[in-house]
Every structure is written in C-alpha cells, then in structure tokens.
Amino acid sequence: MGTLPRLVRLAVLADFGRTDLIGAEGRNELTEALDRLPRLDIETALADAVVAQALRNPEKAPPSSWPGGLLAAHQANPDRTGGGNPAF
C-alpha cells in the first residue's frame, strides 16, 4: 500500500472512532472532535449496504477484497445480531 492510500485508510479509521492511531499528544483533540460529531452507527449502516449489494451482485465482492470479507463474515453468521459486521 502506498503512502496516500495508507493515509486515507488511517483517516477513515479515525473518522470511525479509532483513537489509537495517533500519539498521545493528539488523542484528546481527536476524541473531543469525534464526540462532537457522532458517527450514528455508520459502521453498521455501511457494512450492511456493502453486504446487500454483494448479495445482489457477488461480482462486487471478490474474495480478497474488503467487500468480500464483509460478505464472507455475513454468510458465516447471517443471523448475527448486535454490533457491526466483525470483518469491518
């Protein structure tokens, strides 16, 4: 993974509430920003949307991709309740 994709991925993870990605000196600021801007269960909504598309069109979820991982986790336990997709 190149520098730009890695930075984008880290930013997305931070946006989804991961505060362990930066040093202690910036963690409070990040946590406060995330508290002001709640995510509203975006992880669950996004994973559910990706899985729904993959179920309709499996070509959108190749096995070695992130959508493929979400689909595989869903298929392994389709009746799972509570929390987001474990492959998220």
C-alpha atoms as a PDB file:
ATOM      1  CA  MET A   1       0.000   0.000   0.000  1.00  0.00           C
ATOM      2  CA  GLY A   2       1.397   3.369  -0.967  1.00  0.00           C
ATOM      3  CA  THR A   3       1.647   6.411   1.288  1.00  0.00           C
ATOM      4  CA  LEU A   4      -1.507   8.157   0.080  1.00  0.00           C
ATOM      5  CA  PRO A   5      -3.810   5.100   0.326  1.00  0.00           C
ATOM      6  CA  ARG A   6      -2.399   4.347   3.779  1.00  0.00           C
ATOM      7  CA  LEU A   7      -3.032   7.904   4.993  1.00  0.00           C
ATOM      8  CA  VAL A   8      -6.564   7.855   3.597  1.00  0.00           C
ATOM      9  CA  ARG A   9      -7.219   4.494   5.286  1.00  0.00           C
ATOM     10  CA  LEU A  10      -5.912   5.819   8.620  1.00  0.00           C
ATOM     11  CA  ALA A  11      -8.087   8.927   8.280  1.00  0.00           C
ATOM     12  CA  VAL A  12     -11.145   6.783   7.585  1.00  0.00           C
ATOM     13  CA  LEU A  13     -10.380   4.619  10.617  1.00  0.00           C
ATOM     14  CA  ALA A  14     -10.033   7.747  12.766  1.00  0.00           C
ATOM     15  CA  ASP A  15     -13.326   9.025  11.391  1.00  0.00           C
ATOM     16  CA  PHE A  16     -14.903   5.742  12.506  1.00  0.00           C
ATOM     17  CA  GLY A  17     -13.694   6.275  16.056  1.00  0.00           C
ATOM     18  CA  ARG A  18     -10.256   4.688  16.186  1.00  0.00           C
ATOM     19  CA  THR A  19      -8.221   6.899  18.527  1.00  0.00           C
ATOM     20  CA  ASP A  20      -5.247   4.549  18.928  1.00  0.00           C
ATOM     21  CA  LEU A  21      -3.844   5.549  15.532  1.00  0.00           C
ATOM     22  CA  ILE A  22      -2.090   8.694  16.728  1.00  0.00           C
ATOM     23  CA  GLY A  23       0.232   9.546  19.568  1.00  0.00           C
ATOM     24  CA  ALA A  24      -0.993  10.549  22.990  1.00  0.00           C
ATOM     25  CA  GLU A  25      -0.325  14.232  22.248  1.00  0.00           C
ATOM     26  CA  GLY A  26      -3.178  14.410  19.716  1.00  0.00           C
ATOM     27  CA  ARG A  27      -5.507  11.774  21.108  1.00  0.00           C
ATOM     28  CA  ASN A  28      -7.561  14.122  23.323  1.00  0.00           C
ATOM     29  CA  GLU A  29      -8.187  16.510  20.446  1.00  0.00           C
ATOM     30  CA  LEU A  30      -9.277  13.647  18.187  1.00  0.00           C
ATOM     31  CA  THR A  31     -11.531  12.158  20.870  1.00  0.00           C
ATOM     32  CA  GLU A  32     -13.167  15.549  21.505  1.00  0.00           C
ATOM     33  CA  ALA A  33     -13.777  16.053  17.771  1.00  0.00           C
ATOM     34  CA  LEU A  34     -15.307  12.586  17.447  1.00  0.00           C
ATOM     35  CA  ASP A  35     -17.532  13.265  20.470  1.00  0.00           C
ATOM     36  CA  ARG A  36     -18.809  16.491  18.855  1.00  0.00           C
ATOM     37  CA  LEU A  37     -19.556  14.693  15.591  1.00  0.00           C
ATOM     38  CA  PRO A  38     -21.212  11.349  16.402  1.00  0.00           C
ATOM     39  CA  ARG A  39     -20.956   8.608  13.781  1.00  0.00           C
ATOM     40  CA  LEU A  40     -24.574   7.404  14.186  1.00  0.00           C
ATOM     41  CA  ASP A  41     -23.730   3.701  13.712  1.00  0.00           C
ATOM     42  CA  ILE A  42     -22.143   4.370  10.331  1.00  0.00           C
ATOM     43  CA  GLU A  43     -20.097   1.160  10.601  1.00  0.00           C
ATOM     44  CA  THR A  44     -23.236  -0.948  10.721  1.00  0.00           C
ATOM     45  CA  ALA A  45     -25.043   1.050   8.032  1.00  0.00           C
ATOM     46  CA  LEU A  46     -22.073   0.968   5.663  1.00  0.00           C
ATOM     47  CA  ALA A  47     -21.319  -2.726   6.186  1.00  0.00           C
ATOM     48  CA  ASP A  48     -24.996  -3.618   5.730  1.00  0.00           C
ATOM     49  CA  ALA A  49     -25.144  -1.600   2.488  1.00  0.00           C
ATOM     50  CA  VAL A  50     -22.000  -3.271   1.123  1.00  0.00           C
ATOM     51  CA  VAL A  51     -23.284  -6.749   2.021  1.00  0.00           C
ATOM     52  CA  ALA A  52     -26.694  -6.029   0.481  1.00  0.00           C
ATOM     53  CA  GLN A  53     -25.030  -5.017  -2.797  1.00  0.00           C
ATOM     54  CA  ALA A  54     -22.750  -8.057  -2.699  1.00  0.00           C
ATOM     55  CA  LEU A  55     -25.700 -10.384  -2.153  1.00  0.00           C
ATOM     56  CA  ARG A  56     -27.419  -8.890  -5.200  1.00  0.00           C
ATOM     57  CA  ASN A  57     -24.233  -8.914  -7.295  1.00  0.00           C
ATOM     58  CA  PRO A  58     -21.408 -11.135  -5.963  1.00  0.00           C
ATOM     59  CA  GLU A  59     -19.011  -9.717  -8.571  1.00  0.00           C
ATOM     60  CA  LYS A  60     -18.906  -6.583  -6.406  1.00  0.00           C
ATOM     61  CA  ALA A  61     -17.281  -8.590  -3.606  1.00  0.00           C
ATOM     62  CA  PRO A  62     -14.235 -10.550  -4.796  1.00  0.00           C
ATOM     63  CA  PRO A  63     -12.949 -12.879  -2.051  1.00  0.00           C
ATOM     64  CA  SER A  64      -9.724 -10.964  -1.378  1.00  0.00           C
ATOM     65  CA  SER A  65     -11.413  -7.542  -1.111  1.00  0.00           C
ATOM     66  CA  TRP A  66     -12.917  -5.658   1.824  1.00  0.00           C
ATOM     67  CA  PRO A  67     -16.461  -6.190   0.459  1.00  0.00           C
ATOM     68  CA  GLY A  68     -15.598  -9.878   0.023  1.00  0.00           C
ATOM     69  CA  GLY A  69     -14.551 -10.078   3.670  1.00  0.00           C
ATOM     70  CA  LEU A  70     -17.763  -8.408   4.781  1.00  0.00           C
ATOM     71  CA  LEU A  71     -19.804 -10.790   2.649  1.00  0.00           C
ATOM     72  CA  ALA A  72     -17.937 -13.852   3.950  1.00  0.00           C
ATOM     73  CA  ALA A  73     -18.449 -12.767   7.570  1.00  0.00           C
ATOM     74  CA  HIS A  74     -22.152 -12.221   6.899  1.00  0.00           C
ATOM     75  CA  GLN A  75     -22.528 -15.596   5.184  1.00  0.00           C
ATOM     76  CA  ALA A  76     -20.711 -17.343   8.038  1.00  0.00           C
ATOM     77  CA  ASN A  77     -23.253 -15.965  10.510  1.00  0.00           C
ATOM     78  CA  PRO A  78     -26.259 -14.476   8.662  1.00  0.00           C
ATOM     79  CA  ASP A  79     -28.415 -14.332  11.811  1.00  0.00           C
ATOM     80  CA  ARG A  80     -25.872 -12.331  13.824  1.00  0.00           C
ATOM     81  CA  THR A  81     -27.427  -9.506  15.796  1.00  0.00           C
ATOM     82  CA  GLY A  82     -25.918  -6.610  17.665  1.00  0.00           C
ATOM     83  CA  GLY A  83     -22.872  -4.678  16.646  1.00  0.00           C
ATOM     84  CA  GLY A  84     -21.422  -4.320  13.221  1.00  0.00           C
ATOM     85  CA  ASN A  85     -20.001  -6.850  10.845  1.00  0.00           C
ATOM     86  CA  PRO A  86     -16.921  -8.410  12.501  1.00  0.00           C
ATOM     87  CA  ALA A  87     -14.977  -8.024   9.237  1.00  0.00           C
ATOM     88  CA  PHE A  88     -15.459  -4.248   9.257  1.00  0.00           C
END
